Amino acid sequence: MKKYKQPNMNWGFIGCGSVTEIKSGPAYSITDGFHVYGVMRRDVVKLKDYAYRHNVENIYTDAEALINDPNIDAIYIATPPDSHKYYALKVATARKPCCIEKPLSPGYSDSLEIHNAFLKNNTPLFVAYYRRSLPRFLKIKAWLDAKHIGEVKHISAHLSKPASATDISKSYNWRTDSNIALGGYFDDLASHGLDLFAFLLGNFKEAQGLSLNQQNLYDAKDAVTASWVHESGITGSGVWNFGCYEHTDKVSIYGNKGQIEFSVFHEKSIILKSETKSEKLFIDNPKHIQQNHVENMRDFFADSKKQHPSTGKSALHTSWVMDKILGKL
């Protein structure tokens, strides 16, 4: 793998939509050793506006021109999931490190093809499951590793939300287009949670689920229930419903000596209750929520012995779990 001397690693963005405005884009600019060299988007007006507001010098309307620019060292793909494979395979061919927005692709088979392309070319691949790098979830992992709740037995997750105004109006939204995301918001949101559960408790051994459309507001699924078992023998269950009255986001991990409670998305305190220790902590997320994730990539390039927590391999496993729950495998 090519070694990069800090601070000369230039990134190119394919896509500069909403996720890059605050969540991710600025994190690449403020991370020592990284520089956003150029951005690509087909809409020239929006492209120029983004580049001006974020002080990016170079713009491209053609993805291959950005990918093959010798001044660009690495690529961030921030487009809807149905285009991830198209761009990722071109980046893999160019042998440039890549970070792809989650999920890795709309399904396991395409995710496997992406993973294998980077593996074949011995090129680093990261996926923006940034919760694996956030301090609040690292604290939960530390509690688990210290066995404050003893031997973990079960994890239960519940995420529900009311239908949005966009949903009710039946306006187009790629997140609920079954050709892009069969599971609808499940693909977009549950992927974060399931990936986090694998990080905290180890990989899944088996998973199954039921999914349907209860509201008929769009053609993707809007209600999913699932059960699973981790390789360690820990059991799990989950409910995701996007037509409920209240927004609920609650996860409980049960051990034989206590339990841990937290939210995947809501910025609430994490809670530990056990025989030997009780703790309630509020840990802020960074303003640019992908900052720790991006800094971990920088640290990997500076020293490849420092493993990044969210790679193509780990994201491929999450794609497998998602497809198992949706009955696609």
Protein backbone atom coordinates (compact mmCIF):
# COMPACT_ATOMS: atom_id res chain seq x y z
CA MET A 1 0.00 0.00 0.00
CA LYS A 2 1.21 3.49 -0.83
CA LYS A 3 2.45 5.49 2.17
CA TYR A 4 1.25 9.04 2.55
CA LYS A 5 3.33 11.77 4.11
CA GLN A 6 1.25 14.13 6.19
CA PRO A 7 -0.15 16.64 5.47
CA ASN A 8 -0.30 15.92 1.74
CA MET A 9 -3.26 13.56 1.31
CA ASN A 10 -5.71 15.07 -1.16
CA TRP A 11 -9.32 13.86 -1.17
CA GLY A 12 -11.87 14.06 -3.94
CA PHE A 13 -15.61 13.86 -3.24
CA ILE A 14 -18.00 12.15 -5.63
CA GLY A 15 -21.27 13.76 -4.62
CA CYS A 16 -21.67 16.83 -2.45
CA GLY A 17 -25.24 16.63 -1.19
CA SER A 18 -26.71 17.14 2.27
CA VAL A 19 -24.57 14.55 4.09
CA THR A 20 -21.41 16.44 3.12
CA GLU A 21 -22.64 19.84 4.31
CA ILE A 22 -22.12 19.35 8.07
CA LYS A 23 -21.86 15.66 8.91
CA SER A 24 -18.86 14.67 6.82
CA GLY A 25 -17.42 17.22 4.40
CA PRO A 26 -15.97 19.69 6.93
CA ALA A 27 -14.40 16.81 8.88
CA TYR A 28 -12.08 16.13 5.94
CA SER A 29 -11.14 19.81 5.77
CA ILE A 30 -10.32 20.25 9.46
CA THR A 31 -8.46 16.95 9.94
CA ASP A 32 -4.71 17.54 10.04
CA GLY A 33 -3.11 15.74 7.13
CA PHE A 34 -6.20 15.78 4.90
CA HIS A 35 -7.15 18.30 2.24
CA VAL A 36 -10.33 18.41 0.12
CA TYR A 37 -8.81 18.97 -3.31
CA GLY A 38 -11.92 18.62 -5.47
CA VAL A 39 -15.63 17.77 -5.60
CA MET A 40 -17.78 16.26 -8.34
CA ARG A 41 -21.47 16.70 -9.07
CA ARG A 42 -23.41 16.67 -12.34
CA ASP A 43 -25.49 19.73 -11.44
CA VAL A 44 -23.04 22.55 -12.24
CA VAL A 45 -24.95 25.26 -10.37
CA LYS A 46 -25.11 23.26 -7.14
CA LEU A 47 -21.52 22.09 -7.64
CA LYS A 48 -20.15 25.62 -7.92
CA ASP A 49 -22.22 26.77 -4.96
CA TYR A 50 -20.90 23.95 -2.77
CA ALA A 51 -17.29 24.51 -3.82
CA TYR A 52 -17.58 28.25 -3.12
CA ARG A 53 -19.15 27.81 0.32
CA HIS A 54 -16.68 25.11 1.39
CA ASN A 55 -13.61 26.72 -0.17
CA VAL A 56 -12.85 23.79 -2.49
CA GLU A 57 -10.62 24.83 -5.39
CA ASN A 58 -11.35 22.19 -8.03
CA ILE A 59 -14.68 21.06 -9.47
CA TYR A 60 -15.57 18.16 -11.79
CA THR A 61 -18.77 17.18 -13.56
CA ASP A 62 -17.27 13.83 -14.63
CA ALA A 63 -16.48 11.26 -11.94
CA GLU A 64 -13.73 9.55 -13.95
CA ALA A 65 -11.89 12.86 -14.35
CA LEU A 66 -11.85 13.24 -10.56
CA ILE A 67 -10.93 9.61 -9.90
CA ASN A 68 -8.04 9.66 -12.34
CA ASP A 69 -6.68 13.09 -11.46
CA PRO A 70 -3.09 12.37 -10.32
CA ASN A 71 -3.36 15.15 -7.73
CA ILE A 72 -6.09 13.23 -5.87
CA ASP A 73 -4.92 10.50 -3.49
CA ALA A 74 -8.23 9.17 -2.12
CA ILE A 75 -11.94 9.26 -2.92
CA TYR A 76 -15.04 9.77 -0.75
CA ILE A 77 -18.24 8.47 -2.42
CA ALA A 78 -21.23 10.37 -1.02
CA THR A 79 -23.95 9.46 -3.50
CA PRO A 80 -27.16 7.43 -3.05
CA PRO A 81 -26.44 3.70 -2.47
CA ASP A 82 -27.57 2.50 -5.90
CA SER A 83 -24.58 4.27 -7.50
CA HIS A 84 -21.95 3.13 -4.97
CA LYS A 85 -20.92 0.04 -6.91
CA TYR A 86 -20.55 1.93 -10.21
CA TYR A 87 -18.17 4.49 -8.74
CA ALA A 88 -16.43 2.17 -6.28
CA LEU A 89 -15.29 -0.28 -8.96
CA LYS A 90 -13.72 2.60 -10.90
CA VAL A 91 -11.93 3.78 -7.75
CA ALA A 92 -10.71 0.24 -7.05
CA THR A 93 -9.34 0.01 -10.60
CA ALA A 94 -7.49 3.29 -10.02
CA ARG A 95 -6.08 1.73 -6.80
CA LYS A 96 -7.00 4.72 -4.70
CA PRO A 97 -8.16 4.42 -1.07
CA CYS A 98 -11.87 5.03 -0.73
CA CYS A 99 -14.50 5.83 1.86
CA ILE A 100 -18.09 5.05 0.88
CA GLU A 101 -21.24 6.31 2.56
CA LYS A 102 -23.35 3.68 4.27
CA PRO A 103 -24.81 1.28 3.43
CA LEU A 104 -22.02 -0.10 1.27
CA SER A 105 -24.61 -0.87 -1.42
CA PRO A 106 -28.34 -1.75 -1.61
CA GLY A 107 -27.56 -5.45 -1.24
CA TYR A 108 -25.05 -8.08 -0.21
CA SER A 109 -24.08 -9.26 -3.70
CA ASP A 110 -23.05 -5.78 -4.86
CA SER A 111 -21.34 -5.14 -1.52
CA LEU A 112 -19.34 -8.35 -1.97
CA GLU A 113 -18.25 -7.26 -5.45
CA ILE A 114 -17.09 -3.89 -4.11
CA HIS A 115 -15.23 -5.48 -1.19
CA ASN A 116 -13.52 -8.03 -3.43
CA ALA A 117 -12.41 -5.38 -5.95
CA PHE A 118 -10.53 -3.43 -3.27
CA LEU A 119 -9.20 -6.62 -1.67
CA LYS A 120 -7.86 -7.81 -5.04
CA ASN A 121 -6.03 -4.52 -5.56
CA ASN A 122 -4.76 -4.38 -1.97
CA THR A 123 -6.37 -0.95 -1.59
CA PRO A 124 -7.94 0.35 1.65
CA LEU A 125 -11.73 0.60 1.73
CA PHE A 126 -13.65 2.32 4.52
CA VAL A 127 -17.39 2.76 5.01
CA ALA A 128 -19.01 5.66 6.89
CA TYR A 129 -20.40 3.66 9.79
CA TYR A 130 -18.99 6.41 11.97
CA ARG A 131 -20.69 5.31 15.20
CA ARG A 132 -17.88 2.80 15.65
CA SER A 133 -15.59 5.80 16.23
CA LEU A 134 -17.84 7.99 18.41
CA PRO A 135 -16.78 8.42 22.08
CA ARG A 136 -20.24 7.61 23.50
CA PHE A 137 -20.29 4.18 21.87
CA LEU A 138 -16.64 3.51 22.70
CA LYS A 139 -17.62 4.08 26.34
CA ILE A 140 -20.35 1.46 26.04
CA LYS A 141 -17.84 -0.95 24.53
CA ALA A 142 -15.49 -0.26 27.43
CA TRP A 143 -18.29 -1.09 29.90
CA LEU A 144 -18.94 -4.35 28.05
CA ASP A 145 -15.25 -5.27 27.84
CA ALA A 146 -14.88 -4.60 31.57
CA LYS A 147 -17.84 -6.98 32.13
CA HIS A 148 -19.70 -4.45 34.27
CA ILE A 149 -22.95 -6.23 33.32
CA GLY A 150 -21.38 -9.69 33.49
CA GLU A 151 -21.96 -12.08 30.62
CA VAL A 152 -24.11 -10.49 27.94
CA LYS A 153 -27.23 -12.48 27.15
CA HIS A 154 -29.49 -10.37 24.91
CA ILE A 155 -29.81 -7.09 23.03
CA SER A 156 -33.16 -5.46 22.22
CA ALA A 157 -33.56 -2.53 19.80
CA HIS A 158 -36.58 -0.40 19.00
CA LEU A 159 -36.66 2.43 16.46
CA SER A 160 -39.96 3.98 15.38
CA LYS A 161 -40.87 7.30 13.77
CA PRO A 162 -44.00 8.98 12.42
CA ALA A 163 -44.42 9.30 8.68
CA SER A 164 -42.79 12.51 7.44
CA ALA A 165 -44.50 15.26 5.45
CA THR A 166 -42.63 13.99 2.38
CA ASP A 167 -43.98 10.49 2.98
CA ILE A 168 -47.57 11.70 3.44
CA SER A 169 -47.42 13.86 0.32
CA LYS A 170 -46.02 10.87 -1.58
CA SER A 171 -43.28 13.06 -3.00
CA TYR A 172 -40.28 11.22 -4.42
CA ASN A 173 -37.58 10.27 -1.93
CA TRP A 174 -34.77 7.90 -2.96
CA ARG A 175 -34.68 6.55 0.60
CA THR A 176 -38.13 5.00 0.06
CA ASP A 177 -37.62 3.94 -3.56
CA SER A 178 -37.57 0.14 -3.45
CA ASN A 179 -35.24 0.04 -6.46
CA ILE A 180 -32.63 1.83 -4.35
CA ALA A 181 -33.61 0.75 -0.83
CA LEU A 182 -35.97 -2.24 -0.62
CA GLY A 183 -36.25 -1.76 3.14
CA GLY A 184 -36.87 1.98 2.87
CA TYR A 185 -35.76 3.82 6.00
CA PHE A 186 -34.72 0.45 7.43
CA ASP A 187 -31.85 0.39 4.92
CA ASP A 188 -30.86 3.95 5.76
CA LEU A 189 -31.24 3.85 9.56
CA ALA A 190 -31.24 0.25 10.80
CA SER A 191 -27.94 -0.32 9.02
CA HIS A 192 -26.32 2.10 11.50
CA GLY A 193 -27.72 0.20 14.47
CA LEU A 194 -26.99 -3.30 13.24
CA ASP A 195 -23.44 -2.34 12.31
CA LEU A 196 -22.98 -0.86 15.79
CA PHE A 197 -24.32 -4.03 17.43
CA ALA A 198 -21.77 -6.11 15.53
CA PHE A 199 -19.05 -3.73 16.73
CA LEU A 200 -20.18 -3.95 20.35
CA LEU A 201 -21.08 -7.64 20.56
CA GLY A 202 -19.27 -9.35 17.69
CA ASN A 203 -20.45 -10.58 14.31
CA PHE A 204 -23.86 -12.11 13.72
CA LYS A 205 -24.12 -15.85 13.21
CA GLU A 206 -27.70 -15.90 11.91
CA ALA A 207 -30.52 -13.41 11.38
CA GLN A 208 -34.09 -13.52 10.14
CA GLY A 209 -37.01 -11.15 9.92
CA LEU A 210 -40.43 -10.15 8.69
CA SER A 211 -40.96 -7.02 6.63
CA LEU A 212 -43.97 -5.39 5.00
CA ASN A 213 -45.51 -2.10 3.92
CA GLN A 214 -48.26 -1.04 6.36
CA GLN A 215 -48.95 2.50 5.18
CA ASN A 216 -48.92 2.30 1.37
CA LEU A 217 -47.23 5.70 1.18
CA TYR A 218 -44.34 4.40 -0.93
CA ASP A 219 -43.26 1.10 -2.45
CA ALA A 220 -40.45 0.21 -0.02
CA LYS A 221 -40.95 -1.56 3.30
CA ASP A 222 -41.96 0.53 6.31
CA ALA A 223 -42.22 -2.07 9.08
CA VAL A 224 -39.55 -4.64 9.98
CA THR A 225 -39.10 -7.02 12.89
CA ALA A 226 -36.06 -9.24 13.33
CA SER A 227 -34.36 -11.77 15.55
CA TRP A 228 -30.76 -12.89 15.48
CA VAL A 229 -27.89 -14.55 17.30
CA HIS A 230 -24.30 -13.36 17.48
CA GLU A 231 -21.40 -15.75 17.05
CA SER A 232 -20.85 -15.53 20.80
CA GLY A 233 -24.35 -16.89 21.46
CA ILE A 234 -25.86 -13.53 22.44
CA THR A 235 -29.44 -13.30 21.16
CA GLY A 236 -31.01 -10.18 19.72
CA SER A 237 -34.33 -8.72 18.61
CA GLY A 238 -35.27 -5.54 16.79
CA VAL A 239 -38.28 -3.52 15.69
CA TRP A 240 -38.20 -0.74 13.10
CA ASN A 241 -41.45 1.01 12.17
CA PHE A 242 -41.80 4.25 10.23
CA GLY A 243 -45.49 4.95 10.75
CA CYS A 244 -45.79 5.21 14.52
CA TYR A 245 -47.05 8.09 16.66
CA GLU A 246 -43.84 8.86 18.53
CA HIS A 247 -40.16 8.85 17.69
CA THR A 248 -38.67 6.09 19.85
CA ASP A 249 -34.99 5.16 19.81
CA LYS A 250 -34.01 2.73 22.56
CA VAL A 251 -31.51 -0.10 22.85
CA SER A 252 -31.04 -2.33 25.91
CA ILE A 253 -28.20 -4.78 26.42
CA TYR A 254 -28.92 -7.35 29.13
CA GLY A 255 -26.27 -9.23 31.09
CA ASN A 256 -26.44 -11.61 34.02
CA LYS A 257 -25.26 -8.85 36.37
CA GLY A 258 -26.83 -5.71 34.89
CA GLN A 259 -27.85 -3.85 31.77
CA ILE A 260 -26.91 -0.93 29.53
CA GLU A 261 -29.37 1.45 27.87
CA PHE A 262 -28.69 3.90 25.04
CA SER A 263 -30.01 5.43 21.82
CA VAL A 264 -28.48 4.93 18.41
CA PHE A 265 -29.54 8.32 17.02
CA HIS A 266 -30.94 10.45 19.84
CA GLU A 267 -28.30 12.36 21.76
CA LYS A 268 -29.21 11.09 25.21
CA SER A 269 -27.28 9.83 28.20
CA ILE A 270 -25.92 6.30 28.17
CA ILE A 271 -26.94 4.35 31.27
CA LEU A 272 -25.20 1.51 33.10
CA LYS A 273 -27.02 -0.37 35.87
CA SER A 274 -25.30 -3.35 37.47
CA GLU A 275 -24.56 -5.12 40.75
CA THR A 276 -21.26 -3.30 41.16
CA LYS A 277 -21.60 -0.04 39.23
CA SER A 278 -24.25 2.49 38.26
CA GLU A 279 -23.43 5.32 35.89
CA LYS A 280 -25.31 7.79 33.70
CA LEU A 281 -23.19 9.75 31.24
CA PHE A 282 -23.93 12.32 28.57
CA ILE A 283 -21.15 12.39 26.00
CA ASP A 284 -21.37 15.01 23.27
CA ASN A 285 -21.03 14.10 19.63
CA PRO A 286 -18.64 16.27 17.59
CA LYS A 287 -20.23 19.08 15.55
CA HIS A 288 -19.18 17.24 12.39
CA ILE A 289 -20.29 13.78 13.41
CA GLN A 290 -17.91 11.93 11.12
CA GLN A 291 -14.85 13.70 12.52
CA ASN A 292 -13.60 10.80 14.67
CA HIS A 293 -14.20 8.41 11.78
CA VAL A 294 -12.18 10.63 9.43
CA GLU A 295 -9.39 11.14 11.97
CA ASN A 296 -9.15 7.37 12.39
CA MET A 297 -8.58 7.07 8.64
CA ARG A 298 -5.81 9.67 8.89
CA ASP A 299 -4.22 7.71 11.74
CA PHE A 300 -4.41 4.49 9.69
CA PHE A 301 -2.57 6.08 6.78
CA ALA A 302 0.05 7.45 9.16
CA ASP A 303 0.51 4.03 10.76
CA SER A 304 -1.15 1.01 9.13
CA LYS A 305 -0.81 -0.92 12.40
CA LYS A 306 -3.64 1.26 13.69
CA GLN A 307 -6.70 -0.56 12.43
CA HIS A 308 -9.78 1.40 11.42
CA PRO A 309 -13.02 0.12 13.01
CA SER A 310 -15.19 0.50 9.88
CA THR A 311 -13.84 -1.20 6.78
CA GLY A 312 -15.23 -2.79 3.66
CA LYS A 313 -15.10 -6.13 5.44
CA SER A 314 -17.15 -5.02 8.44
CA ALA A 315 -19.64 -3.18 6.20
CA LEU A 316 -19.98 -6.28 4.03
CA HIS A 317 -21.05 -8.21 7.13
CA THR A 318 -23.69 -5.56 7.86
CA SER A 319 -24.99 -5.88 4.29
CA TRP A 320 -25.30 -9.63 4.83
CA VAL A 321 -27.29 -9.12 8.05
CA MET A 322 -29.61 -6.61 6.35
CA ASP A 323 -30.32 -8.97 3.47
CA LYS A 324 -30.94 -11.86 5.84
CA ILE A 325 -33.50 -9.83 7.79
CA LEU A 326 -35.24 -8.66 4.59
CA GLY A 327 -35.35 -12.24 3.26
CA LYS A 328 -33.09 -11.47 0.29
CA LEU A 329 -30.68 -14.29 1.23
